[in-house]
Amino acid sequence: MSDVLVLARGFGAGVLLGAVFYGGLWWTVRRVAAKAQGLLLLGSFLSRSAIALSGFCAVARADWQGWAACLLGFLAARIVVSYLVRSSAEKGPHVLRGARP
């Protein structure tokens, strides 16, 4: 496979994994007002980590350049999700209903 294709595939996989990981984190934080807070947080962390690690392992099978591109995509997704969460929180408190002060 060409180097550009390996890097593009790795970056795309990283963006997807990061969106799932950080989007799932945001979803969990919004619902932590439930009674079983510890179980929800632990279950969410374990499932998000398992998805991210298995995705990284699938990409790492190719070579280290693909893994590095995946990591960059993962970090890029963090920036995008953080921006989206911050901008939606500024629109009003109804977005974060259920969140504690």
PDB file of N, CA and C in Angstrom:
ATOM      1  N   MET A   1       0.845  -1.168   0.000  1.00  0.00           N
ATOM      2  CA  MET A   1       0.000   0.000   0.000  1.00  0.00           C
ATOM      3  C   MET A   1       0.894   1.236   0.000  1.00  0.00           C
ATOM      4  N   SER A   2       0.470   2.280  -0.695  1.00  0.00           N
ATOM      5  CA  SER A   2       1.293   3.478  -0.756  1.00  0.00           C
ATOM      6  C   SER A   2       1.285   4.203   0.585  1.00  0.00           C
ATOM      7  N   ASP A   3       2.309   4.997   0.801  1.00  0.00           N
ATOM      8  CA  ASP A   3       2.439   5.705   2.070  1.00  0.00           C
ATOM      9  C   ASP A   3       1.296   6.682   2.306  1.00  0.00           C
ATOM     10  N   VAL A   4       0.873   7.350   1.263  1.00  0.00           N
ATOM     11  CA  VAL A   4      -0.208   8.326   1.411  1.00  0.00           C
ATOM     12  C   VAL A   4      -1.501   7.623   1.805  1.00  0.00           C
ATOM     13  N   LEU A   5      -1.754   6.473   1.228  1.00  0.00           N
ATOM     14  CA  LEU A   5      -2.965   5.730   1.555  1.00  0.00           C
ATOM     15  C   LEU A   5      -2.925   5.220   2.988  1.00  0.00           C
ATOM     16  N   VAL A   6      -1.768   4.774   3.449  1.00  0.00           N
ATOM     17  CA  VAL A   6      -1.620   4.315   4.835  1.00  0.00           C
ATOM     18  C   VAL A   6      -1.881   5.465   5.799  1.00  0.00           C
ATOM     19  N   LEU A   7      -1.329   6.632   5.491  1.00  0.00           N
ATOM     20  CA  LEU A   7      -1.515   7.791   6.364  1.00  0.00           C
ATOM     21  C   LEU A   7      -2.968   8.273   6.361  1.00  0.00           C
ATOM     22  N   ALA A   8      -3.583   8.294   5.190  1.00  0.00           N
ATOM     23  CA  ALA A   8      -4.981   8.728   5.106  1.00  0.00           C
ATOM     24  C   ALA A   8      -5.900   7.758   5.835  1.00  0.00           C
ATOM     25  N   ARG A   9      -5.646   6.463   5.666  1.00  0.00           N
ATOM     26  CA  ARG A   9      -6.469   5.462   6.349  1.00  0.00           C
ATOM     27  C   ARG A   9      -6.285   5.554   7.854  1.00  0.00           C
ATOM     28  N   GLY A  10      -5.051   5.736   8.299  1.00  0.00           N
ATOM     29  CA  GLY A  10      -4.781   5.863   9.727  1.00  0.00           C
ATOM     30  C   GLY A  10      -5.397   7.114  10.317  1.00  0.00           C
ATOM     31  N   PHE A  11      -5.282   8.235   9.611  1.00  0.00           N
ATOM     32  CA  PHE A  11      -5.863   9.482  10.108  1.00  0.00           C
ATOM     33  C   PHE A  11      -7.382   9.383  10.174  1.00  0.00           C
ATOM     34  N   GLY A  12      -7.992   8.822   9.141  1.00  0.00           N
ATOM     35  CA  GLY A  12      -9.445   8.660   9.132  1.00  0.00           C
ATOM     36  C   GLY A  12      -9.932   7.754  10.243  1.00  0.00           C
ATOM     37  N   ALA A  13      -9.201   6.666  10.465  1.00  0.00           N
ATOM     38  CA  ALA A  13      -9.563   5.761  11.563  1.00  0.00           C
ATOM     39  C   ALA A  13      -9.413   6.463  12.903  1.00  0.00           C
ATOM     40  N   GLY A  14      -8.378   7.280  13.049  1.00  0.00           N
ATOM     41  CA  GLY A  14      -8.169   8.017  14.294  1.00  0.00           C
ATOM     42  C   GLY A  14      -9.267   9.028  14.556  1.00  0.00           C
ATOM     43  N   VAL A  15      -9.707   9.710  13.511  1.00  0.00           N
ATOM     44  CA  VAL A  15     -10.803  10.667  13.672  1.00  0.00           C
ATOM     45  C   VAL A  15     -12.071   9.945  14.093  1.00  0.00           C
ATOM     46  N   LEU A  16     -12.351   8.821  13.459  1.00  0.00           N
ATOM     47  CA  LEU A  16     -13.543   8.047  13.819  1.00  0.00           C
ATOM     48  C   LEU A  16     -13.451   7.526  15.253  1.00  0.00           C
ATOM     49  N   LEU A  17     -12.309   6.970  15.627  1.00  0.00           N
ATOM     50  CA  LEU A  17     -12.138   6.465  16.988  1.00  0.00           C
ATOM     51  C   LEU A  17     -12.221   7.588  18.014  1.00  0.00           C
ATOM     52  N   GLY A  18     -11.619   8.720  17.706  1.00  0.00           N
ATOM     53  CA  GLY A  18     -11.674   9.859  18.619  1.00  0.00           C
ATOM     54  C   GLY A  18     -13.084  10.401  18.770  1.00  0.00           C
ATOM     55  N   ALA A  19     -13.829  10.445  17.669  1.00  0.00           N
ATOM     56  CA  ALA A  19     -15.211  10.919  17.745  1.00  0.00           C
ATOM     57  C   ALA A  19     -16.055   9.996  18.610  1.00  0.00           C
ATOM     58  N   VAL A  20     -15.852   8.696  18.469  1.00  0.00           N
ATOM     59  CA  VAL A  20     -16.591   7.736  19.302  1.00  0.00           C
ATOM     60  C   VAL A  20     -16.171   7.868  20.764  1.00  0.00           C
ATOM     61  N   PHE A  21     -14.865   7.966  21.012  1.00  0.00           N
ATOM     62  CA  PHE A  21     -14.359   8.032  22.379  1.00  0.00           C
ATOM     63  C   PHE A  21     -14.824   9.304  23.088  1.00  0.00           C
ATOM     64  N   TYR A  22     -14.549  10.458  22.488  1.00  0.00           N
ATOM     65  CA  TYR A  22     -14.885  11.717  23.144  1.00  0.00           C
ATOM     66  C   TYR A  22     -16.370  12.045  23.069  1.00  0.00           C
ATOM     67  N   GLY A  23     -17.043  11.626  22.011  1.00  0.00           N
ATOM     68  CA  GLY A  23     -18.489  11.771  21.964  1.00  0.00           C
ATOM     69  C   GLY A  23     -19.164  10.919  23.025  1.00  0.00           C
ATOM     70  N   GLY A  24     -18.648   9.701  23.233  1.00  0.00           N
ATOM     71  CA  GLY A  24     -19.166   8.845  24.293  1.00  0.00           C
ATOM     72  C   GLY A  24     -18.899   9.417  25.672  1.00  0.00           C
ATOM     73  N   LEU A  25     -17.769  10.070  25.833  1.00  0.00           N
ATOM     74  CA  LEU A  25     -17.458  10.720  27.105  1.00  0.00           C
ATOM     75  C   LEU A  25     -18.443  11.846  27.378  1.00  0.00           C
ATOM     76  N   TRP A  26     -18.738  12.645  26.374  1.00  0.00           N
ATOM     77  CA  TRP A  26     -19.696  13.733  26.540  1.00  0.00           C
ATOM     78  C   TRP A  26     -21.084  13.185  26.861  1.00  0.00           C
ATOM     79  N   TRP A  27     -21.472  12.123  26.172  1.00  0.00           N
ATOM     80  CA  TRP A  27     -22.766  11.497  26.434  1.00  0.00           C
ATOM     81  C   TRP A  27     -22.835  11.004  27.878  1.00  0.00           C
ATOM     82  N   THR A  28     -21.764  10.395  28.358  1.00  0.00           N
ATOM     83  CA  THR A  28     -21.722   9.867  29.720  1.00  0.00           C
ATOM     84  C   THR A  28     -21.807  10.984  30.744  1.00  0.00           C
ATOM     85  N   VAL A  29     -21.066  12.041  30.540  1.00  0.00           N
ATOM     86  CA  VAL A  29     -21.071  13.155  31.496  1.00  0.00           C
ATOM     87  C   VAL A  29     -22.452  13.794  31.565  1.00  0.00           C
ATOM     88  N   ARG A  30     -23.141  13.853  30.457  1.00  0.00           N
ATOM     89  CA  ARG A  30     -24.493  14.422  30.464  1.00  0.00           C
ATOM     90  C   ARG A  30     -25.477  13.548  31.218  1.00  0.00           C
ATOM     91  N   ARG A  31     -25.240  12.256  31.323  1.00  0.00           N
ATOM     92  CA  ARG A  31     -26.176  11.340  31.976  1.00  0.00           C
ATOM     93  C   ARG A  31     -25.708  10.856  33.336  1.00  0.00           C
ATOM     94  N   VAL A  32     -24.698  11.461  33.893  1.00  0.00           N
ATOM     95  CA  VAL A  32     -24.136  10.986  35.149  1.00  0.00           C
ATOM     96  C   VAL A  32     -25.028  11.310  36.348  1.00  0.00           C
ATOM     97  N   ALA A  33     -26.112  12.020  36.131  1.00  0.00           N
ATOM     98  CA  ALA A  33     -27.022  12.335  37.219  1.00  0.00           C
ATOM     99  C   ALA A  33     -27.877  11.130  37.627  1.00  0.00           C
ATOM    100  N   ALA A  34     -27.698  10.012  36.966  1.00  0.00           N
ATOM    101  CA  ALA A  34     -28.471   8.809  37.292  1.00  0.00           C
ATOM    102  C   ALA A  34     -28.033   8.249  38.645  1.00  0.00           C
ATOM    103  N   LYS A  35     -28.774   7.275  39.148  1.00  0.00           N
ATOM    104  CA  LYS A  35     -28.459   6.706  40.465  1.00  0.00           C
ATOM    105  C   LYS A  35     -27.181   5.886  40.450  1.00  0.00           C
ATOM    106  N   ALA A  36     -26.957   5.142  39.404  1.00  0.00           N
ATOM    107  CA  ALA A  36     -25.778   4.265  39.339  1.00  0.00           C
ATOM    108  C   ALA A  36     -24.627   4.984  38.639  1.00  0.00           C
ATOM    109  N   GLN A  37     -24.144   6.055  39.257  1.00  0.00           N
ATOM    110  CA  GLN A  37     -23.116   6.883  38.631  1.00  0.00           C
ATOM    111  C   GLN A  37     -21.825   6.115  38.415  1.00  0.00           C
ATOM    112  N   GLY A  38     -21.363   5.419  39.432  1.00  0.00           N
ATOM    113  CA  GLY A  38     -20.099   4.697  39.325  1.00  0.00           C
ATOM    114  C   GLY A  38     -20.144   3.625  38.253  1.00  0.00           C
ATOM    115  N   LEU A  39     -21.241   2.904  38.205  1.00  0.00           N
ATOM    116  CA  LEU A  39     -21.381   1.844  37.211  1.00  0.00           C
ATOM    117  C   LEU A  39     -21.439   2.422  35.794  1.00  0.00           C
ATOM    118  N   LEU A  40     -22.142   3.524  35.634  1.00  0.00           N
ATOM    119  CA  LEU A  40     -22.219   4.169  34.331  1.00  0.00           C
ATOM    120  C   LEU A  40     -20.849   4.679  33.890  1.00  0.00           C
ATOM    121  N   LEU A  41     -20.139   5.348  34.791  1.00  0.00           N
ATOM    122  CA  LEU A  41     -18.817   5.877  34.446  1.00  0.00           C
ATOM    123  C   LEU A  41     -17.827   4.762  34.132  1.00  0.00           C
ATOM    124  N   LEU A  42     -17.826   3.712  34.938  1.00  0.00           N
ATOM    125  CA  LEU A  42     -16.906   2.600  34.716  1.00  0.00           C
ATOM    126  C   LEU A  42     -17.228   1.864  33.423  1.00  0.00           C
ATOM    127  N   GLY A  43     -18.493   1.578  33.203  1.00  0.00           N
ATOM    128  CA  GLY A  43     -18.893   0.881  31.981  1.00  0.00           C
ATOM    129  C   GLY A  43     -18.585   1.686  30.733  1.00  0.00           C
ATOM    130  N   SER A  44     -18.827   2.985  30.807  1.00  0.00           N
ATOM    131  CA  SER A  44     -18.533   3.845  29.665  1.00  0.00           C
ATOM    132  C   SER A  44     -17.033   3.901  29.400  1.00  0.00           C
ATOM    133  N   PHE A  45     -16.250   4.052  30.450  1.00  0.00           N
ATOM    134  CA  PHE A  45     -14.797   4.113  30.278  1.00  0.00           C
ATOM    135  C   PHE A  45     -14.252   2.819  29.680  1.00  0.00           C
ATOM    136  N   LEU A  46     -14.698   1.693  30.208  1.00  0.00           N
ATOM    137  CA  LEU A  46     -14.197   0.411  29.708  1.00  0.00           C
ATOM    138  C   LEU A  46     -14.600   0.166  28.253  1.00  0.00           C
ATOM    139  N   SER A  47     -15.833   0.495  27.910  1.00  0.00           N
ATOM    140  CA  SER A  47     -16.267   0.258  26.525  1.00  0.00           C
ATOM    141  C   SER A  47     -15.585   1.230  25.563  1.00  0.00           C
ATOM    142  N   ARG A  48     -15.472   2.510  25.939  1.00  0.00           N
ATOM    143  CA  ARG A  48     -14.794   3.467  25.063  1.00  0.00           C
ATOM    144  C   ARG A  48     -13.325   3.111  24.891  1.00  0.00           C
ATOM    145  N   SER A  49     -12.678   2.684  25.969  1.00  0.00           N
ATOM    146  CA  SER A  49     -11.265   2.306  25.887  1.00  0.00           C
ATOM    147  C   SER A  49     -11.072   1.055  25.045  1.00  0.00           C
ATOM    148  N   ALA A  50     -11.964   0.088  25.183  1.00  0.00           N
ATOM    149  CA  ALA A  50     -11.855  -1.144  24.399  1.00  0.00           C
ATOM    150  C   ALA A  50     -12.018  -0.854  22.910  1.00  0.00           C
ATOM    151  N   ILE A  51     -12.959   0.014  22.566  1.00  0.00           N
ATOM    152  CA  ILE A  51     -13.160   0.372  21.164  1.00  0.00           C
ATOM    153  C   ILE A  51     -11.932   1.088  20.621  1.00  0.00           C
ATOM    154  N   ALA A  52     -11.409   2.056  21.387  1.00  0.00           N
ATOM    155  CA  ALA A  52     -10.248   2.821  20.923  1.00  0.00           C
ATOM    156  C   ALA A  52      -9.008   1.930  20.798  1.00  0.00           C
ATOM    157  N   LEU A  53      -8.765   1.096  21.792  1.00  0.00           N
ATOM    158  CA  LEU A  53      -7.581   0.231  21.745  1.00  0.00           C
ATOM    159  C   LEU A  53      -7.666  -0.799  20.628  1.00  0.00           C
ATOM    160  N   SER A  54      -8.836  -1.376  20.423  1.00  0.00           N
ATOM    161  CA  SER A  54      -8.955  -2.352  19.334  1.00  0.00           C
ATOM    162  C   SER A  54      -8.795  -1.675  17.982  1.00  0.00           C
ATOM    163  N   GLY A  55      -9.289  -0.454  17.854  1.00  0.00           N
ATOM    164  CA  GLY A  55      -9.090   0.289  16.613  1.00  0.00           C
ATOM    165  C   GLY A  55      -7.631   0.633  16.379  1.00  0.00           C
ATOM    166  N   PHE A  56      -6.937   1.038  17.431  1.00  0.00           N
ATOM    167  CA  PHE A  56      -5.517   1.339  17.302  1.00  0.00           C
ATOM    168  C   PHE A  56      -4.726   0.083  16.948  1.00  0.00           C
ATOM    169  N   CYS A  57      -5.084  -1.042  17.542  1.00  0.00           N
ATOM    170  CA  CYS A  57      -4.384  -2.295  17.223  1.00  0.00           C
ATOM    171  C   CYS A  57      -4.627  -2.709  15.776  1.00  0.00           C
ATOM    172  N   ALA A  58      -5.827  -2.489  15.274  1.00  0.00           N
ATOM    173  CA  ALA A  58      -6.116  -2.825  13.883  1.00  0.00           C
ATOM    174  C   ALA A  58      -5.304  -1.955  12.930  1.00  0.00           C
ATOM    175  N   VAL A  59      -5.142  -0.696  13.273  1.00  0.00           N
ATOM    176  CA  VAL A  59      -4.362   0.212  12.425  1.00  0.00           C
ATOM    177  C   VAL A  59      -2.874  -0.073  12.580  1.00  0.00           C
ATOM    178  N   ALA A  60      -2.433  -0.416  13.766  1.00  0.00           N
ATOM    179  CA  ALA A  60      -1.002  -0.627  14.037  1.00  0.00           C
ATOM    180  C   ALA A  60      -0.466  -1.862  13.331  1.00  0.00           C
ATOM    181  N   ARG A  61      -1.331  -2.732  12.869  1.00  0.00           N
ATOM    182  CA  ARG A  61      -0.866  -3.919  12.152  1.00  0.00           C
ATOM    183  C   ARG A  61      -0.101  -3.551  10.891  1.00  0.00           C
ATOM    184  N   ALA A  62      -0.459  -2.421  10.298  1.00  0.00           N
ATOM    185  CA  ALA A  62       0.193  -2.015   9.050  1.00  0.00           C
ATOM    186  C   ALA A  62       1.627  -1.585   9.321  1.00  0.00           C
ATOM    187  N   ASP A  63       1.819  -0.483   9.981  1.00  0.00           N
ATOM    188  CA  ASP A  63       3.152   0.003  10.322  1.00  0.00           C
ATOM    189  C   ASP A  63       3.023   1.205  11.254  1.00  0.00           C
ATOM    190  N   TRP A  64       4.154   1.714  11.698  1.00  0.00           N
ATOM    191  CA  TRP A  64       4.125   2.768  12.700  1.00  0.00           C
ATOM    192  C   TRP A  64       3.633   4.091  12.125  1.00  0.00           C
ATOM    193  N   GLN A  65       3.789   4.325  10.829  1.00  0.00           N
ATOM    194  CA  GLN A  65       3.303   5.569  10.250  1.00  0.00           C
ATOM    195  C   GLN A  65       1.769   5.635  10.304  1.00  0.00           C
ATOM    196  N   GLY A  66       1.142   4.508  10.036  1.00  0.00           N
ATOM    197  CA  GLY A  66      -0.313   4.458  10.141  1.00  0.00           C
ATOM    198  C   GLY A  66      -0.782   4.661  11.558  1.00  0.00           C
ATOM    199  N   TRP A  67      -0.036   4.104  12.509  1.00  0.00           N
ATOM    200  CA  TRP A  67      -0.377   4.280  13.918  1.00  0.00           C
ATOM    201  C   TRP A  67      -0.229   5.741  14.325  1.00  0.00           C
ATOM    202  N   ALA A  68       0.840   6.383  13.883  1.00  0.00           N
ATOM    203  CA  ALA A  68       1.058   7.791  14.213  1.00  0.00           C
ATOM    204  C   ALA A  68      -0.033   8.669  13.594  1.00  0.00           C
ATOM    205  N   ALA A  69      -0.428   8.369  12.366  1.00  0.00           N
ATOM    206  CA  ALA A  69      -1.511   9.118  11.724  1.00  0.00           C
ATOM    207  C   ALA A  69      -2.823   8.898  12.467  1.00  0.00           C
ATOM    208  N   CYS A  70      -3.039   7.687  12.961  1.00  0.00           N
ATOM    209  CA  CYS A  70      -4.240   7.385  13.741  1.00  0.00           C
ATOM    210  C   CYS A  70      -4.251   8.203  15.032  1.00  0.00           C
ATOM    211  N   LEU A  71      -3.112   8.300  15.679  1.00  0.00           N
ATOM    212  CA  LEU A  71      -3.007   9.096  16.894  1.00  0.00           C
ATOM    213  C   LEU A  71      -3.283  10.573  16.611  1.00  0.00           C
ATOM    214  N   LEU A  72      -2.761  11.096  15.517  1.00  0.00           N
ATOM    215  CA  LEU A  72      -3.037  12.484  15.150  1.00  0.00           C
ATOM    216  C   LEU A  72      -4.523  12.705  14.861  1.00  0.00           C
ATOM    217  N   GLY A  73      -5.150  11.756  14.201  1.00  0.00           N
ATOM    218  CA  GLY A  73      -6.582  11.852  13.947  1.00  0.00           C
ATOM    219  C   GLY A  73      -7.393  11.795  15.228  1.00  0.00           C
ATOM    220  N   PHE A  74      -6.958  10.957  16.158  1.00  0.00           N
ATOM    221  CA  PHE A  74      -7.616  10.846  17.464  1.00  0.00           C
ATOM    222  C   PHE A  74      -7.551  12.176  18.202  1.00  0.00           C
ATOM    223  N   LEU A  75      -6.387  12.807  18.185  1.00  0.00           N
ATOM    224  CA  LEU A  75      -6.224  14.100  18.844  1.00  0.00           C
ATOM    225  C   LEU A  75      -6.992  15.201  18.120  1.00  0.00           C
ATOM    226  N   ALA A  76      -7.060  15.134  16.806  1.00  0.00           N
ATOM    227  CA  ALA A  76      -7.839  16.112  16.039  1.00  0.00           C
ATOM    228  C   ALA A  76      -9.326  15.999  16.391  1.00  0.00           C
ATOM    229  N   ALA A  77      -9.803  14.775  16.574  1.00  0.00           N
ATOM    230  CA  ALA A  77     -11.199  14.575  16.953  1.00  0.00           C
ATOM    231  C   ALA A  77     -11.461  15.153  18.336  1.00  0.00           C
ATOM    232  N   ARG A  78     -10.493  15.071  19.222  1.00  0.00           N
ATOM    233  CA  ARG A  78     -10.638  15.659  20.565  1.00  0.00           C
ATOM    234  C   ARG A  78     -10.848  17.157  20.458  1.00  0.00           C
ATOM    235  N   ILE A  79     -10.076  17.802  19.603  1.00  0.00           N
ATOM    236  CA  ILE A  79     -10.200  19.247  19.433  1.00  0.00           C
ATOM    237  C   ILE A  79     -11.571  19.601  18.854  1.00  0.00           C
ATOM    238  N   VAL A  80     -12.008  18.849  17.859  1.00  0.00           N
ATOM    239  CA  VAL A  80     -13.297  19.133  17.223  1.00  0.00           C
ATOM    240  C   VAL A  80     -14.445  18.892  18.191  1.00  0.00           C
ATOM    241  N   VAL A  81     -14.437  17.771  18.911  1.00  0.00           N
ATOM    242  CA  VAL A  81     -15.513  17.482  19.859  1.00  0.00           C
ATOM    243  C   VAL A  81     -15.514  18.511  20.987  1.00  0.00           C
ATOM    244  N   SER A  82     -14.352  18.907  21.469  1.00  0.00           N
ATOM    245  CA  SER A  82     -14.280  19.938  22.512  1.00  0.00           C
ATOM    246  C   SER A  82     -14.878  21.245  22.018  1.00  0.00           C
ATOM    247  N   TYR A  83     -14.583  21.614  20.788  1.00  0.00           N
ATOM    248  CA  TYR A  83     -15.141  22.835  20.212  1.00  0.00           C
ATOM    249  C   TYR A  83     -16.658  22.735  20.095  1.00  0.00           C
ATOM    250  N   LEU A  84     -17.151  21.609  19.613  1.00  0.00           N
ATOM    251  CA  LEU A  84     -18.593  21.442  19.448  1.00  0.00           C
ATOM    252  C   LEU A  84     -19.316  21.458  20.787  1.00  0.00           C
ATOM    253  N   VAL A  85     -18.739  20.821  21.785  1.00  0.00           N
ATOM    254  CA  VAL A  85     -19.360  20.796  23.114  1.00  0.00           C
ATOM    255  C   VAL A  85     -19.353  22.196  23.710  1.00  0.00           C
ATOM    256  N   ARG A  86     -18.244  22.888  23.582  1.00  0.00           N
ATOM    257  CA  ARG A  86     -18.143  24.241  24.128  1.00  0.00           C
ATOM    258  C   ARG A  86     -19.126  25.181  23.442  1.00  0.00           C
ATOM    259  N   SER A  87     -19.244  25.087  22.123  1.00  0.00           N
ATOM    260  CA  SER A  87     -20.156  25.979  21.413  1.00  0.00           C
ATOM    261  C   SER A  87     -21.615  25.647  21.712  1.00  0.00           C
ATOM    262  N   SER A  88     -21.940  24.375  21.912  1.00  0.00           N
ATOM    263  CA  SER A  88     -23.319  24.027  22.254  1.00  0.00           C
ATOM    264  C   SER A  88     -23.643  24.406  23.689  1.00  0.00           C
ATOM    265  N   ALA A  89     -22.655  24.399  24.580  1.00  0.00           N
ATOM    266  CA  ALA A  89     -22.885  24.805  25.963  1.00  0.00           C
ATOM    267  C   ALA A  89     -23.108  26.303  26.053  1.00  0.00           C
ATOM    268  N   GLU A  90     -22.513  27.056  25.153  1.00  0.00           N
ATOM    269  CA  GLU A  90     -22.694  28.505  25.154  1.00  0.00           C
ATOM    270  C   GLU A  90     -24.061  28.909  24.629  1.00  0.00           C
ATOM    271  N   LYS A  91     -24.721  28.023  23.899  1.00  0.00           N
ATOM    272  CA  LYS A  91     -26.034  28.346  23.344  1.00  0.00           C
ATOM    273  C   LYS A  91     -27.117  28.361  24.408  1.00  0.00           C
ATOM    274  N   GLY A  92     -26.899  27.659  25.498  1.00  0.00           N
ATOM    275  CA  GLY A  92     -27.892  27.695  26.565  1.00  0.00           C
ATOM    276  C   GLY A  92     -27.772  26.514  27.486  1.00  0.00           C
ATOM    277  N   PRO A  93     -28.329  26.648  28.686  1.00  0.00           N
ATOM    278  CA  PRO A  93     -28.233  25.576  29.672  1.00  0.00           C
ATOM    279  C   PRO A  93     -29.088  24.360  29.334  1.00  0.00           C
ATOM    280  N   HIS A  94     -30.042  24.494  28.406  1.00  0.00           N
ATOM    281  CA  HIS A  94     -30.893  23.361  28.060  1.00  0.00           C
ATOM    282  C   HIS A  94     -30.095  22.235  27.417  1.00  0.00           C
ATOM    283  N   VAL A  95     -28.957  22.557  26.843  1.00  0.00           N
ATOM    284  CA  VAL A  95     -28.131  21.543  26.199  1.00  0.00           C
ATOM    285  C   VAL A  95     -27.526  20.621  27.248  1.00  0.00           C
ATOM    286  N   LEU A  96     -27.190  21.172  28.389  1.00  0.00           N
ATOM    287  CA  LEU A  96     -26.550  20.387  29.450  1.00  0.00           C
ATOM    288  C   LEU A  96     -27.535  20.040  30.561  1.00  0.00           C
ATOM    289  N   ARG A  97     -28.782  19.848  30.246  1.00  0.00           N
ATOM    290  CA  ARG A  97     -29.748  19.531  31.291  1.00  0.00           C
ATOM    291  C   ARG A  97     -29.336  18.227  31.963  1.00  0.00           C
ATOM    292  N   GLY A  98     -29.545  18.189  33.232  1.00  0.00           N
ATOM    293  CA  GLY A  98     -29.143  17.020  34.005  1.00  0.00           C
ATOM    294  C   GLY A  98     -27.744  17.163  34.563  1.00  0.00           C
ATOM    295  N   ALA A  99     -27.001  18.164  34.109  1.00  0.00           N
ATOM    296  CA  ALA A  99     -25.652  18.378  34.635  1.00  0.00           C
ATOM    297  C   ALA A  99     -25.741  19.075  35.976  1.00  0.00           C
ATOM    298  N   ARG A 100     -24.874  18.706  36.862  1.00  0.00           N
ATOM    299  CA  ARG A 100     -24.865  19.322  38.199  1.00  0.00           C
ATOM    300  C   ARG A 100     -23.922  20.519  38.212  1.00  0.00           C
ATOM    301  N   PRO A 101     -24.232  21.493  39.068  1.00  0.00           N
ATOM    302  CA  PRO A 101     -23.336  22.656  39.175  1.00  0.00           C
ATOM    303  C   PRO A 101     -22.037  22.300  39.848  1.00  0.00           C
TER     304      PRO A 101
END
